Amino acid sequence: MYRPVHPQERIILALDNIESLVGLEQTVRELCNHIGLAKIGLEAFIEFGPEAIRTVRRIKLDVFLDLKLNDIPTTVGNASAKISKLDVKFFNVHASASRKAVAAAVKNKGASRVLGVTVLTSMDH
């Protein structure tokens, strides 16, 4: 069944270059009424870990965890199972990891949705 989407739901706030958890929280609080989702990328996740996700979720905003998993199927599946416990709406996997790796992510995704990354904008071939 078709459900109209409010334009705000289509706006994703990238939290990649935030310098502190306090700054991350302030940014999300200031913009949470104007966006549909917060994206936590590799840089922010390495800097702040799962606390970045918990900070956004405390503000009642959904999270897209943008780590672009790309490894052997067992590792992607195990990582997906751990991500599923973090209460994220989406996370992504490189489609080039292999069909089995993508299937392992889907099998272990829990309530999260898995997005497949096919081509990066930086690729030129």
PDB file of N, CA and C in Angstrom:
ATOM      1  N   MET A   1       0.843  -1.177   0.000  1.00  0.00           N
ATOM      2  CA  MET A   1       0.000   0.000   0.000  1.00  0.00           C
ATOM      3  C   MET A   1       0.889   1.241   0.000  1.00  0.00           C
ATOM      4  N   TYR A   2       0.546   2.202  -0.831  1.00  0.00           N
ATOM      5  CA  TYR A   2       1.304   3.446  -0.938  1.00  0.00           C
ATOM      6  C   TYR A   2       1.073   4.308   0.294  1.00  0.00           C
ATOM      7  N   ARG A   3       2.149   4.810   0.846  1.00  0.00           N
ATOM      8  CA  ARG A   3       2.075   5.740   1.970  1.00  0.00           C
ATOM      9  C   ARG A   3       2.843   6.989   1.567  1.00  0.00           C
ATOM     10  N   PRO A   4       2.172   8.142   1.512  1.00  0.00           N
ATOM     11  CA  PRO A   4       2.883   9.369   1.155  1.00  0.00           C
ATOM     12  C   PRO A   4       4.024   9.628   2.152  1.00  0.00           C
ATOM     13  N   VAL A   5       5.128  10.087   1.618  1.00  0.00           N
ATOM     14  CA  VAL A   5       6.293  10.369   2.451  1.00  0.00           C
ATOM     15  C   VAL A   5       6.428  11.873   2.598  1.00  0.00           C
ATOM     16  N   HIS A   6       6.518  12.322   3.831  1.00  0.00           N
ATOM     17  CA  HIS A   6       6.736  13.740   4.094  1.00  0.00           C
ATOM     18  C   HIS A   6       8.149  14.086   3.630  1.00  0.00           C
ATOM     19  N   PRO A   7       8.329  15.221   2.965  1.00  0.00           N
ATOM     20  CA  PRO A   7       9.664  15.580   2.466  1.00  0.00           C
ATOM     21  C   PRO A   7      10.757  15.526   3.536  1.00  0.00           C
ATOM     22  N   GLN A   8      10.442  15.863   4.747  1.00  0.00           N
ATOM     23  CA  GLN A   8      11.409  15.824   5.848  1.00  0.00           C
ATOM     24  C   GLN A   8      11.997  14.419   6.025  1.00  0.00           C
ATOM     25  N   GLU A   9      11.186  13.388   5.787  1.00  0.00           N
ATOM     26  CA  GLU A   9      11.652  12.022   5.951  1.00  0.00           C
ATOM     27  C   GLU A   9      12.750  11.658   4.965  1.00  0.00           C
ATOM     28  N   ARG A  10      12.865  12.410   3.880  1.00  0.00           N
ATOM     29  CA  ARG A  10      13.868  12.129   2.853  1.00  0.00           C
ATOM     30  C   ARG A  10      15.213  12.797   3.147  1.00  0.00           C
ATOM     31  N   ILE A  11      15.263  13.622   4.152  1.00  0.00           N
ATOM     32  CA  ILE A  11      16.497  14.352   4.464  1.00  0.00           C
ATOM     33  C   ILE A  11      17.306  13.564   5.483  1.00  0.00           C
ATOM     34  N   ILE A  12      18.562  13.299   5.114  1.00  0.00           N
ATOM     35  CA  ILE A  12      19.473  12.549   5.975  1.00  0.00           C
ATOM     36  C   ILE A  12      20.620  13.468   6.383  1.00  0.00           C
ATOM     37  N   LEU A  13      20.839  13.584   7.667  1.00  0.00           N
ATOM     38  CA  LEU A  13      21.916  14.417   8.200  1.00  0.00           C
ATOM     39  C   LEU A  13      23.173  13.573   8.369  1.00  0.00           C
ATOM     40  N   ALA A  14      24.228  13.918   7.641  1.00  0.00           N
ATOM     41  CA  ALA A  14      25.502  13.203   7.749  1.00  0.00           C
ATOM     42  C   ALA A  14      26.288  13.731   8.945  1.00  0.00           C
ATOM     43  N   LEU A  15      26.637  12.837   9.850  1.00  0.00           N
ATOM     44  CA  LEU A  15      27.378  13.203  11.063  1.00  0.00           C
ATOM     45  C   LEU A  15      28.816  12.694  10.964  1.00  0.00           C
ATOM     46  N   ASP A  16      29.487  13.009   9.871  1.00  0.00           N
ATOM     47  CA  ASP A  16      30.811  12.458   9.625  1.00  0.00           C
ATOM     48  C   ASP A  16      31.947  13.305  10.187  1.00  0.00           C
ATOM     49  N   ASN A  17      31.796  14.593  10.218  1.00  0.00           N
ATOM     50  CA  ASN A  17      32.904  15.458  10.619  1.00  0.00           C
ATOM     51  C   ASN A  17      32.614  16.209  11.912  1.00  0.00           C
ATOM     52  N   ILE A  18      31.981  15.539  12.829  1.00  0.00           N
ATOM     53  CA  ILE A  18      31.664  16.126  14.132  1.00  0.00           C
ATOM     54  C   ILE A  18      32.852  15.885  15.062  1.00  0.00           C
ATOM     55  N   GLU A  19      33.229  16.881  15.822  1.00  0.00           N
ATOM     56  CA  GLU A  19      34.453  16.785  16.617  1.00  0.00           C
ATOM     57  C   GLU A  19      34.276  16.198  18.003  1.00  0.00           C
ATOM     58  N   SER A  20      33.035  16.164  18.508  1.00  0.00           N
ATOM     59  CA  SER A  20      32.818  15.616  19.850  1.00  0.00           C
ATOM     60  C   SER A  20      31.408  15.061  19.948  1.00  0.00           C
ATOM     61  N   LEU A  21      31.191  14.214  20.943  1.00  0.00           N
ATOM     62  CA  LEU A  21      29.834  13.702  21.167  1.00  0.00           C
ATOM     63  C   LEU A  21      28.891  14.822  21.570  1.00  0.00           C
ATOM     64  N   VAL A  22      29.399  15.792  22.300  1.00  0.00           N
ATOM     65  CA  VAL A  22      28.573  16.941  22.681  1.00  0.00           C
ATOM     66  C   VAL A  22      28.145  17.698  21.424  1.00  0.00           C
ATOM     67  N   GLY A  23      29.082  17.899  20.502  1.00  0.00           N
ATOM     68  CA  GLY A  23      28.757  18.562  19.249  1.00  0.00           C
ATOM     69  C   GLY A  23      27.784  17.755  18.414  1.00  0.00           C
ATOM     70  N   LEU A  24      27.961  16.444  18.410  1.00  0.00           N
ATOM     71  CA  LEU A  24      27.048  15.560  17.689  1.00  0.00           C
ATOM     72  C   LEU A  24      25.637  15.707  18.255  1.00  0.00           C
ATOM     73  N   GLU A  25      25.529  15.651  19.564  1.00  0.00           N
ATOM     74  CA  GLU A  25      24.210  15.767  20.202  1.00  0.00           C
ATOM     75  C   GLU A  25      23.586  17.130  19.930  1.00  0.00           C
ATOM     76  N   GLN A  26      24.365  18.193  20.040  1.00  0.00           N
ATOM     77  CA  GLN A  26      23.830  19.537  19.790  1.00  0.00           C
ATOM     78  C   GLN A  26      23.330  19.672  18.355  1.00  0.00           C
ATOM     79  N   THR A  27      24.101  19.163  17.404  1.00  0.00           N
ATOM     80  CA  THR A  27      23.723  19.232  15.999  1.00  0.00           C
ATOM     81  C   THR A  27      22.418  18.486  15.754  1.00  0.00           C
ATOM     82  N   VAL A  28      22.315  17.286  16.294  1.00  0.00           N
ATOM     83  CA  VAL A  28      21.106  16.489  16.095  1.00  0.00           C
ATOM     84  C   VAL A  28      19.915  17.152  16.768  1.00  0.00           C
ATOM     85  N   ARG A  29      20.091  17.657  17.968  1.00  0.00           N
ATOM     86  CA  ARG A  29      18.968  18.330  18.660  1.00  0.00           C
ATOM     87  C   ARG A  29      18.489  19.552  17.880  1.00  0.00           C
ATOM     88  N   GLU A  30      19.426  20.317  17.316  1.00  0.00           N
ATOM     89  CA  GLU A  30      19.052  21.519  16.559  1.00  0.00           C
ATOM     90  C   GLU A  30      18.278  21.177  15.288  1.00  0.00           C
ATOM     91  N   LEU A  31      18.595  20.044  14.672  1.00  0.00           N
ATOM     92  CA  LEU A  31      18.024  19.729  13.366  1.00  0.00           C
ATOM     93  C   LEU A  31      17.004  18.597  13.361  1.00  0.00           C
ATOM     94  N   CYS A  32      16.781  17.955  14.499  1.00  0.00           N
ATOM     95  CA  CYS A  32      15.950  16.743  14.527  1.00  0.00           C
ATOM     96  C   CYS A  32      14.527  16.954  14.021  1.00  0.00           C
ATOM     97  N   ASN A  33      13.994  18.144  14.120  1.00  0.00           N
ATOM     98  CA  ASN A  33      12.632  18.395  13.641  1.00  0.00           C
ATOM     99  C   ASN A  33      12.575  18.671  12.142  1.00  0.00           C
ATOM    100  N   HIS A  34      13.740  18.671  11.489  1.00  0.00           N
ATOM    101  CA  HIS A  34      13.794  19.003  10.076  1.00  0.00           C
ATOM    102  C   HIS A  34      14.356  17.868   9.219  1.00  0.00           C
ATOM    103  N   ILE A  35      14.730  16.772   9.843  1.00  0.00           N
ATOM    104  CA  ILE A  35      15.350  15.658   9.118  1.00  0.00           C
ATOM    105  C   ILE A  35      14.621  14.355   9.429  1.00  0.00           C
ATOM    106  N   GLY A  36      14.877  13.354   8.614  1.00  0.00           N
ATOM    107  CA  GLY A  36      14.230  12.068   8.826  1.00  0.00           C
ATOM    108  C   GLY A  36      15.157  11.011   9.400  1.00  0.00           C
ATOM    109  N   LEU A  37      16.467  11.243   9.290  1.00  0.00           N
ATOM    110  CA  LEU A  37      17.423  10.197   9.642  1.00  0.00           C
ATOM    111  C   LEU A  37      18.790  10.833   9.879  1.00  0.00           C
ATOM    112  N   ALA A  38      19.566  10.233  10.758  1.00  0.00           N
ATOM    113  CA  ALA A  38      20.952  10.655  10.962  1.00  0.00           C
ATOM    114  C   ALA A  38      21.869   9.564  10.436  1.00  0.00           C
ATOM    115  N   LYS A  39      22.873   9.963   9.654  1.00  0.00           N
ATOM    116  CA  LYS A  39      23.837   9.010   9.118  1.00  0.00           C
ATOM    117  C   LYS A  39      25.125   9.102   9.918  1.00  0.00           C
ATOM    118  N   ILE A  40      25.512   7.972  10.479  1.00  0.00           N
ATOM    119  CA  ILE A  40      26.782   7.885  11.196  1.00  0.00           C
ATOM    120  C   ILE A  40      27.728   7.105  10.295  1.00  0.00           C
ATOM    121  N   GLY A  41      28.740   7.796   9.807  1.00  0.00           N
ATOM    122  CA  GLY A  41      29.696   7.194   8.892  1.00  0.00           C
ATOM    123  C   GLY A  41      30.884   6.592   9.620  1.00  0.00           C
ATOM    124  N   LEU A  42      31.812   6.115   8.827  1.00  0.00           N
ATOM    125  CA  LEU A  42      32.986   5.425   9.348  1.00  0.00           C
ATOM    126  C   LEU A  42      33.788   6.296  10.312  1.00  0.00           C
ATOM    127  N   GLU A  43      34.022   7.558   9.942  1.00  0.00           N
ATOM    128  CA  GLU A  43      34.835   8.428  10.799  1.00  0.00           C
ATOM    129  C   GLU A  43      34.201   8.613  12.176  1.00  0.00           C
ATOM    130  N   ALA A  44      32.912   8.936  12.184  1.00  0.00           N
ATOM    131  CA  ALA A  44      32.221   9.162  13.458  1.00  0.00           C
ATOM    132  C   ALA A  44      32.146   7.881  14.276  1.00  0.00           C
ATOM    133  N   PHE A  45      31.921   6.753  13.615  1.00  0.00           N
ATOM    134  CA  PHE A  45      31.819   5.499  14.355  1.00  0.00           C
ATOM    135  C   PHE A  45      33.166   5.105  14.953  1.00  0.00           C
ATOM    136  N   ILE A  46      34.240   5.344  14.232  1.00  0.00           N
ATOM    137  CA  ILE A  46      35.560   5.042  14.791  1.00  0.00           C
ATOM    138  C   ILE A  46      35.867   5.975  15.953  1.00  0.00           C
ATOM    139  N   GLU A  47      35.489   7.225  15.823  1.00  0.00           N
ATOM    140  CA  GLU A  47      35.774   8.214  16.879  1.00  0.00           C
ATOM    141  C   GLU A  47      34.940   7.977  18.141  1.00  0.00           C
ATOM    142  N   PHE A  48      33.642   7.710  17.974  1.00  0.00           N
ATOM    143  CA  PHE A  48      32.728   7.672  19.120  1.00  0.00           C
ATOM    144  C   PHE A  48      32.128   6.300  19.404  1.00  0.00           C
ATOM    145  N   GLY A  49      32.256   5.365  18.465  1.00  0.00           N
ATOM    146  CA  GLY A  49      31.724   4.028  18.663  1.00  0.00           C
ATOM    147  C   GLY A  49      30.211   4.011  18.772  1.00  0.00           C
ATOM    148  N   PRO A  50      29.684   2.958  19.370  1.00  0.00           N
ATOM    149  CA  PRO A  50      28.230   2.821  19.507  1.00  0.00           C
ATOM    150  C   PRO A  50      27.572   3.956  20.288  1.00  0.00           C
ATOM    151  N   GLU A  51      28.354   4.713  21.061  1.00  0.00           N
ATOM    152  CA  GLU A  51      27.776   5.829  21.810  1.00  0.00           C
ATOM    153  C   GLU A  51      27.186   6.884  20.868  1.00  0.00           C
ATOM    154  N   ALA A  52      27.743   7.009  19.675  1.00  0.00           N
ATOM    155  CA  ALA A  52      27.176   7.939  18.691  1.00  0.00           C
ATOM    156  C   ALA A  52      25.740   7.525  18.351  1.00  0.00           C
ATOM    157  N   ILE A  53      25.534   6.238  18.155  1.00  0.00           N
ATOM    158  CA  ILE A  53      24.193   5.727  17.846  1.00  0.00           C
ATOM    159  C   ILE A  53      23.267   5.946  19.035  1.00  0.00           C
ATOM    160  N   ARG A  54      23.728   5.603  20.218  1.00  0.00           N
ATOM    161  CA  ARG A  54      22.890   5.781  21.418  1.00  0.00           C
ATOM    162  C   ARG A  54      22.514   7.248  21.617  1.00  0.00           C
ATOM    163  N   THR A  55      23.436   8.149  21.321  1.00  0.00           N
ATOM    164  CA  THR A  55      23.165   9.582  21.466  1.00  0.00           C
ATOM    165  C   THR A  55      22.041  10.008  20.535  1.00  0.00           C
ATOM    166  N   VAL A  56      22.105   9.590  19.285  1.00  0.00           N
ATOM    167  CA  VAL A  56      21.060   9.942  18.319  1.00  0.00           C
ATOM    168  C   VAL A  56      19.739   9.285  18.695  1.00  0.00           C
ATOM    169  N   ARG A  57      19.758   8.042  19.093  1.00  0.00           N
ATOM    170  CA  ARG A  57      18.531   7.317  19.437  1.00  0.00           C
ATOM    171  C   ARG A  57      17.848   7.920  20.672  1.00  0.00           C
ATOM    172  N   ARG A  58      18.625   8.464  21.622  1.00  0.00           N
ATOM    173  CA  ARG A  58      18.024   9.133  22.796  1.00  0.00           C
ATOM    174  C   ARG A  58      17.182  10.333  22.372  1.00  0.00           C
ATOM    175  N   ILE A  59      17.503  10.907  21.213  1.00  0.00           N
ATOM    176  CA  ILE A  59      16.755  12.052  20.688  1.00  0.00           C
ATOM    177  C   ILE A  59      15.574  11.566  19.844  1.00  0.00           C
ATOM    178  N   LYS A  60      15.393  10.257  19.796  1.00  0.00           N
ATOM    179  CA  LYS A  60      14.258   9.627  19.083  1.00  0.00           C
ATOM    180  C   LYS A  60      14.369   9.791  17.574  1.00  0.00           C
ATOM    181  N   LEU A  61      15.586   9.745  17.070  1.00  0.00           N
ATOM    182  CA  LEU A  61      15.815   9.828  15.630  1.00  0.00           C
ATOM    183  C   LEU A  61      16.412   8.511  15.157  1.00  0.00           C
ATOM    184  N   ASP A  62      16.007   8.066  13.972  1.00  0.00           N
ATOM    185  CA  ASP A  62      16.550   6.838  13.406  1.00  0.00           C
ATOM    186  C   ASP A  62      17.960   7.060  12.865  1.00  0.00           C
ATOM    187  N   VAL A  63      18.706   5.947  12.770  1.00  0.00           N
ATOM    188  CA  VAL A  63      20.110   6.003  12.364  1.00  0.00           C
ATOM    189  C   VAL A  63      20.356   5.125  11.140  1.00  0.00           C
ATOM    190  N   PHE A  64      21.151   5.657  10.232  1.00  0.00           N
ATOM    191  CA  PHE A  64      21.720   4.899   9.122  1.00  0.00           C
ATOM    192  C   PHE A  64      23.208   4.754   9.445  1.00  0.00           C
ATOM    193  N   LEU A  65      23.643   3.536   9.717  1.00  0.00           N
ATOM    194  CA  LEU A  65      25.052   3.264  10.021  1.00  0.00           C
ATOM    195  C   LEU A  65      25.761   2.955   8.706  1.00  0.00           C
ATOM    196  N   ASP A  66      26.593   3.884   8.277  1.00  0.00           N
ATOM    197  CA  ASP A  66      27.234   3.831   6.961  1.00  0.00           C
ATOM    198  C   ASP A  66      28.674   3.336   7.095  1.00  0.00           C
ATOM    199  N   LEU A  67      28.836   2.013   7.228  1.00  0.00           N
ATOM    200  CA  LEU A  67      30.169   1.422   7.368  1.00  0.00           C
ATOM    201  C   LEU A  67      30.616   0.669   6.116  1.00  0.00           C
ATOM    202  N   LYS A  68      29.702   0.454   5.192  1.00  0.00           N
ATOM    203  CA  LYS A  68      29.998  -0.244   3.939  1.00  0.00           C
ATOM    204  C   LYS A  68      30.774  -1.539   4.183  1.00  0.00           C
ATOM    205  N   LEU A  69      30.164  -2.464   4.873  1.00  0.00           N
ATOM    206  CA  LEU A  69      30.819  -3.736   5.189  1.00  0.00           C
ATOM    207  C   LEU A  69      31.289  -4.428   3.913  1.00  0.00           C
ATOM    208  N   ASN A  70      32.515  -4.913   3.939  1.00  0.00           N
ATOM    209  CA  ASN A  70      33.084  -5.570   2.765  1.00  0.00           C
ATOM    210  C   ASN A  70      34.151  -6.541   3.247  1.00  0.00           C
ATOM    211  N   ASP A  71      33.753  -7.802   3.422  1.00  0.00           N
ATOM    212  CA  ASP A  71      34.671  -8.810   3.939  1.00  0.00           C
ATOM    213  C   ASP A  71      34.140 -10.182   3.542  1.00  0.00           C
ATOM    214  N   ILE A  72      34.733 -11.217   4.101  1.00  0.00           N
ATOM    215  CA  ILE A  72      34.256 -12.566   3.815  1.00  0.00           C
ATOM    216  C   ILE A  72      32.879 -12.751   4.452  1.00  0.00           C
ATOM    217  N   PRO A  73      32.078 -13.668   3.924  1.00  0.00           N
ATOM    218  CA  PRO A  73      30.704 -13.829   4.417  1.00  0.00           C
ATOM    219  C   PRO A  73      30.584 -14.021   5.927  1.00  0.00           C
ATOM    220  N   THR A  74      31.459 -14.807   6.512  1.00  0.00           N
ATOM    221  CA  THR A  74      31.362 -15.042   7.963  1.00  0.00           C
ATOM    222  C   THR A  74      31.547 -13.741   8.737  1.00  0.00           C
ATOM    223  N   THR A  75      32.523 -12.951   8.348  1.00  0.00           N
ATOM    224  CA  THR A  75      32.789 -11.688   9.036  1.00  0.00           C
ATOM    225  C   THR A  75      31.647 -10.701   8.834  1.00  0.00           C
ATOM    226  N   VAL A  76      31.140 -10.596   7.609  1.00  0.00           N
ATOM    227  CA  VAL A  76      30.017  -9.695   7.344  1.00  0.00           C
ATOM    228  C   VAL A  76      28.787 -10.145   8.131  1.00  0.00           C
ATOM    229  N   GLY A  77      28.532 -11.431   8.176  1.00  0.00           N
ATOM    230  CA  GLY A  77      27.392 -11.944   8.937  1.00  0.00           C
ATOM    231  C   GLY A  77      27.528 -11.665  10.426  1.00  0.00           C
ATOM    232  N   ASN A  78      28.713 -11.905  10.985  1.00  0.00           N
ATOM    233  CA  ASN A  78      28.936 -11.649  12.412  1.00  0.00           C
ATOM    234  C   ASN A  78      28.835 -10.158  12.734  1.00  0.00           C
ATOM    235  N   ALA A  79      29.417  -9.323  11.862  1.00  0.00           N
ATOM    236  CA  ALA A  79      29.317  -7.877  12.077  1.00  0.00           C
ATOM    237  C   ALA A  79      27.861  -7.423  11.997  1.00  0.00           C
ATOM    238  N   SER A  80      27.109  -7.974  11.061  1.00  0.00           N
ATOM    239  CA  SER A  80      25.692  -7.621  10.915  1.00  0.00           C
ATOM    240  C   SER A  80      24.892  -8.002  12.154  1.00  0.00           C
ATOM    241  N   ALA A  81      25.194  -9.148  12.722  1.00  0.00           N
ATOM    242  CA  ALA A  81      24.510  -9.574  13.950  1.00  0.00           C
ATOM    243  C   ALA A  81      24.793  -8.596  15.094  1.00  0.00           C
ATOM    244  N   LYS A  82      26.025  -8.104  15.165  1.00  0.00           N
ATOM    245  CA  LYS A  82      26.370  -7.131  16.217  1.00  0.00           C
ATOM    246  C   LYS A  82      25.695  -5.788  15.938  1.00  0.00           C
ATOM    247  N   ILE A  83      25.676  -5.373  14.660  1.00  0.00           N
ATOM    248  CA  ILE A  83      24.999  -4.126  14.292  1.00  0.00           C
ATOM    249  C   ILE A  83      23.517  -4.213  14.614  1.00  0.00           C
ATOM    250  N   SER A  84      22.912  -5.373  14.418  1.00  0.00           N
ATOM    251  CA  SER A  84      21.471  -5.521  14.667  1.00  0.00           C
ATOM    252  C   SER A  84      21.111  -5.217  16.116  1.00  0.00           C
ATOM    253  N   LYS A  85      22.056  -5.338  17.008  1.00  0.00           N
ATOM    254  CA  LYS A  85      21.811  -5.043  18.428  1.00  0.00           C
ATOM    255  C   LYS A  85      21.921  -3.550  18.749  1.00  0.00           C
ATOM    256  N   LEU A  86      22.360  -2.751  17.776  1.00  0.00           N
ATOM    257  CA  LEU A  86      22.578  -1.323  18.005  1.00  0.00           C
ATOM    258  C   LEU A  86      21.364  -0.452  17.694  1.00  0.00           C
ATOM    259  N   ASP A  87      20.263  -1.053  17.255  1.00  0.00           N
ATOM    260  CA  ASP A  87      19.015  -0.327  16.997  1.00  0.00           C
ATOM    261  C   ASP A  87      19.180   0.727  15.908  1.00  0.00           C
ATOM    262  N   VAL A  88      19.745   0.299  14.756  1.00  0.00           N
ATOM    263  CA  VAL A  88      19.834   1.199  13.609  1.00  0.00           C
ATOM    264  C   VAL A  88      18.764   0.816  12.597  1.00  0.00           C
ATOM    265  N   LYS A  89      18.261   1.788  11.881  1.00  0.00           N
ATOM    266  CA  LYS A  89      17.232   1.518  10.877  1.00  0.00           C
ATOM    267  C   LYS A  89      17.850   0.884   9.632  1.00  0.00           C
ATOM    268  N   PHE A  90      19.023   1.394   9.226  1.00  0.00           N
ATOM    269  CA  PHE A  90      19.719   0.903   8.042  1.00  0.00           C
ATOM    270  C   PHE A  90      21.195   0.714   8.345  1.00  0.00           C
ATOM    271  N   PHE A  91      21.811  -0.235   7.664  1.00  0.00           N
ATOM    272  CA  PHE A  91      23.265  -0.278   7.539  1.00  0.00           C
ATOM    273  C   PHE A  91      23.561  -0.794   6.146  1.00  0.00           C
ATOM    274  N   ASN A  92      24.799  -0.616   5.699  1.00  0.00           N
ATOM    275  CA  ASN A  92      25.080  -0.981   4.314  1.00  0.00           C
ATOM    276  C   ASN A  92      26.239  -1.957   4.180  1.00  0.00           C
ATOM    277  N   VAL A  93      26.218  -2.629   3.019  1.00  0.00           N
ATOM    278  CA  VAL A  93      27.191  -3.654   2.666  1.00  0.00           C
ATOM    279  C   VAL A  93      27.610  -3.401   1.223  1.00  0.00           C
ATOM    280  N   HIS A  94      28.890  -3.559   0.931  1.00  0.00           N
ATOM    281  CA  HIS A  94      29.330  -3.482  -0.465  1.00  0.00           C
ATOM    282  C   HIS A  94      28.785  -4.689  -1.220  1.00  0.00           C
ATOM    283  N   ALA A  95      28.072  -4.443  -2.287  1.00  0.00           N
ATOM    284  CA  ALA A  95      27.555  -5.540  -3.102  1.00  0.00           C
ATOM    285  C   ALA A  95      28.702  -6.352  -3.693  1.00  0.00           C
ATOM    286  N   SER A  96      29.853  -5.721  -3.873  1.00  0.00           N
ATOM    287  CA  SER A  96      31.012  -6.416  -4.434  1.00  0.00           C
ATOM    288  C   SER A  96      31.672  -7.365  -3.436  1.00  0.00           C
ATOM    289  N   ALA A  97      31.224  -7.351  -2.189  1.00  0.00           N
ATOM    290  CA  ALA A  97      31.801  -8.262  -1.185  1.00  0.00           C
ATOM    291  C   ALA A  97      31.575  -9.709  -1.608  1.00  0.00           C
ATOM    292  N   SER A  98      30.446 -10.004  -2.159  1.00  0.00           N
ATOM    293  CA  SER A  98      30.051 -11.283  -2.738  1.00  0.00           C
ATOM    294  C   SER A  98      28.572 -11.491  -2.430  1.00  0.00           C
ATOM    295  N   ARG A  99      27.965 -12.326  -3.218  1.00  0.00           N
ATOM    296  CA  ARG A  99      26.549 -12.650  -2.997  1.00  0.00           C
ATOM    297  C   ARG A  99      26.375 -13.293  -1.617  1.00  0.00           C
ATOM    298  N   LYS A 100      27.315 -14.151  -1.234  1.00  0.00           N
ATOM    299  CA  LYS A 100      27.229 -14.823   0.071  1.00  0.00           C
ATOM    300  C   LYS A 100      27.391 -13.839   1.224  1.00  0.00           C
ATOM    301  N   ALA A 101      28.261 -12.846   1.055  1.00  0.00           N
ATOM    302  CA  ALA A 101      28.448 -11.849   2.115  1.00  0.00           C
ATOM    303  C   ALA A 101      27.183 -11.007   2.294  1.00  0.00           C
ATOM    304  N   VAL A 102      26.587 -10.597   1.186  1.00  0.00           N
ATOM    305  CA  VAL A 102      25.345  -9.826   1.262  1.00  0.00           C
ATOM    306  C   VAL A 102      24.243 -10.679   1.896  1.00  0.00           C
ATOM    307  N   ALA A 103      24.159 -11.946   1.510  1.00  0.00           N
ATOM    308  CA  ALA A 103      23.159 -12.848   2.093  1.00  0.00           C
ATOM    309  C   ALA A 103      23.388 -13.021   3.590  1.00  0.00           C
ATOM    310  N   ALA A 104      24.647 -13.081   4.001  1.00  0.00           N
ATOM    311  CA  ALA A 104      24.961 -13.212   5.432  1.00  0.00           C
ATOM    312  C   ALA A 104      24.518 -11.969   6.196  1.00  0.00           C
ATOM    313  N   ALA A 105      24.677 -10.805   5.583  1.00  0.00           N
ATOM    314  CA  ALA A 105      24.216  -9.566   6.224  1.00  0.00           C
ATOM    315  C   ALA A 105      22.706  -9.593   6.390  1.00  0.00           C
ATOM    316  N   VAL A 106      22.011  -9.967   5.342  1.00  0.00           N
ATOM    317  CA  VAL A 106      20.546 -10.009   5.386  1.00  0.00           C
ATOM    318  C   VAL A 106      20.064 -11.030   6.419  1.00  0.00           C
ATOM    319  N   LYS A 107      20.712 -12.168   6.464  1.00  0.00           N
ATOM    320  CA  LYS A 107      20.328 -13.223   7.413  1.00  0.00           C
ATOM    321  C   LYS A 107      20.473 -12.761   8.866  1.00  0.00           C
ATOM    322  N   ASN A 108      21.453 -11.918   9.136  1.00  0.00           N
ATOM    323  CA  ASN A 108      21.771 -11.518  10.511  1.00  0.00           C
ATOM    324  C   ASN A 108      21.398 -10.078  10.836  1.00  0.00           C
ATOM    325  N   LYS A 109      20.544  -9.458  10.049  1.00  0.00           N
ATOM    326  CA  LYS A 109      20.256  -8.033  10.169  1.00  0.00           C
ATOM    327  C   LYS A 109      19.313  -7.659  11.308  1.00  0.00           C
ATOM    328  N   GLY A 110      18.623  -8.633  11.863  1.00  0.00           N
ATOM    329  CA  GLY A 110      17.628  -8.317  12.887  1.00  0.00           C
ATOM    330  C   GLY A 110      16.541  -7.434  12.295  1.00  0.00           C
ATOM    331  N   ALA A 111      16.152  -6.388  13.020  1.00  0.00           N
ATOM    332  CA  ALA A 111      15.097  -5.478  12.552  1.00  0.00           C
ATOM    333  C   ALA A 111      15.624  -4.405  11.609  1.00  0.00           C
ATOM    334  N   SER A 112      16.934  -4.316  11.461  1.00  0.00           N
ATOM    335  CA  SER A 112      17.532  -3.313  10.567  1.00  0.00           C
ATOM    336  C   SER A 112      17.286  -3.686   9.112  1.00  0.00           C
ATOM    337  N   ARG A 113      17.432  -2.706   8.252  1.00  0.00           N
ATOM    338  CA  ARG A 113      17.362  -2.929   6.804  1.00  0.00           C
ATOM    339  C   ARG A 113      18.776  -2.838   6.246  1.00  0.00           C
ATOM    340  N   VAL A 114      19.070  -3.671   5.259  1.00  0.00           N
ATOM    341  CA  VAL A 114      20.394  -3.695   4.652  1.00  0.00           C
ATOM    342  C   VAL A 114      20.334  -2.999   3.296  1.00  0.00           C
ATOM    343  N   LEU A 115      21.242  -2.073   3.079  1.00  0.00           N
ATOM    344  CA  LEU A 115      21.372  -1.392   1.798  1.00  0.00           C
ATOM    345  C   LEU A 115      22.626  -1.901   1.103  1.00  0.00           C
ATOM    346  N   GLY A 116      22.549  -2.132  -0.183  1.00  0.00           N
ATOM    347  CA  GLY A 116      23.706  -2.572  -0.954  1.00  0.00           C
ATOM    348  C   GLY A 116      24.357  -1.406  -1.662  1.00  0.00           C
ATOM    349  N   VAL A 117      25.659  -1.251  -1.488  1.00  0.00           N
ATOM    350  CA  VAL A 117      26.426  -0.218  -2.169  1.00  0.00           C
ATOM    351  C   VAL A 117      27.020  -0.865  -3.413  1.00  0.00           C
ATOM    352  N   THR A 118      26.692  -0.329  -4.580  1.00  0.00           N
ATOM    353  CA  THR A 118      27.186  -0.915  -5.813  1.00  0.00           C
ATOM    354  C   THR A 118      28.355  -0.143  -6.404  1.00  0.00           C
ATOM    355  N   VAL A 119      28.270   1.176  -6.394  1.00  0.00           N
ATOM    356  CA  VAL A 119      29.331   2.010  -6.966  1.00  0.00           C
ATOM    357  C   VAL A 119      29.533   3.222  -6.066  1.00  0.00           C
ATOM    358  N   LEU A 120      30.780   3.522  -5.758  1.00  0.00           N
ATOM    359  CA  LEU A 120      31.106   4.713  -4.982  1.00  0.00           C
ATOM    360  C   LEU A 120      31.293   5.889  -5.931  1.00  0.00           C
ATOM    361  N   THR A 121      30.946   7.076  -5.488  1.00  0.00           N
ATOM    362  CA  THR A 121      31.072   8.250  -6.354  1.00  0.00           C
ATOM    363  C   THR A 121      32.525   8.553  -6.701  1.00  0.00           C
ATOM    364  N   SER A 122      33.464   8.059  -5.934  1.00  0.00           N
ATOM    365  CA  SER A 122      34.876   8.320  -6.214  1.00  0.00           C
ATOM    366  C   SER A 122      35.459   7.388  -7.272  1.00  0.00           C
ATOM    367  N   MET A 123      34.701   6.361  -7.669  1.00  0.00           N
ATOM    368  CA  MET A 123      35.216   5.421  -8.670  1.00  0.00           C
ATOM    369  C   MET A 123      35.172   6.067 -10.056  1.00  0.00           C
ATOM    370  N   ASP A 124      36.238   5.903 -10.800  1.00  0.00           N
ATOM    371  CA  ASP A 124      36.293   6.532 -12.108  1.00  0.00           C
ATOM    372  C   ASP A 124      36.452   5.546 -13.255  1.00  0.00           C
ATOM    373  N   HIS A 125      36.409   4.246 -12.990  1.00  0.00           N
ATOM    374  CA  HIS A 125      36.531   3.279 -14.082  1.00  0.00           C
ATOM    375  C   HIS A 125      35.245   2.501 -14.298  1.00  0.00           C
TER     376      HIS A 125
END
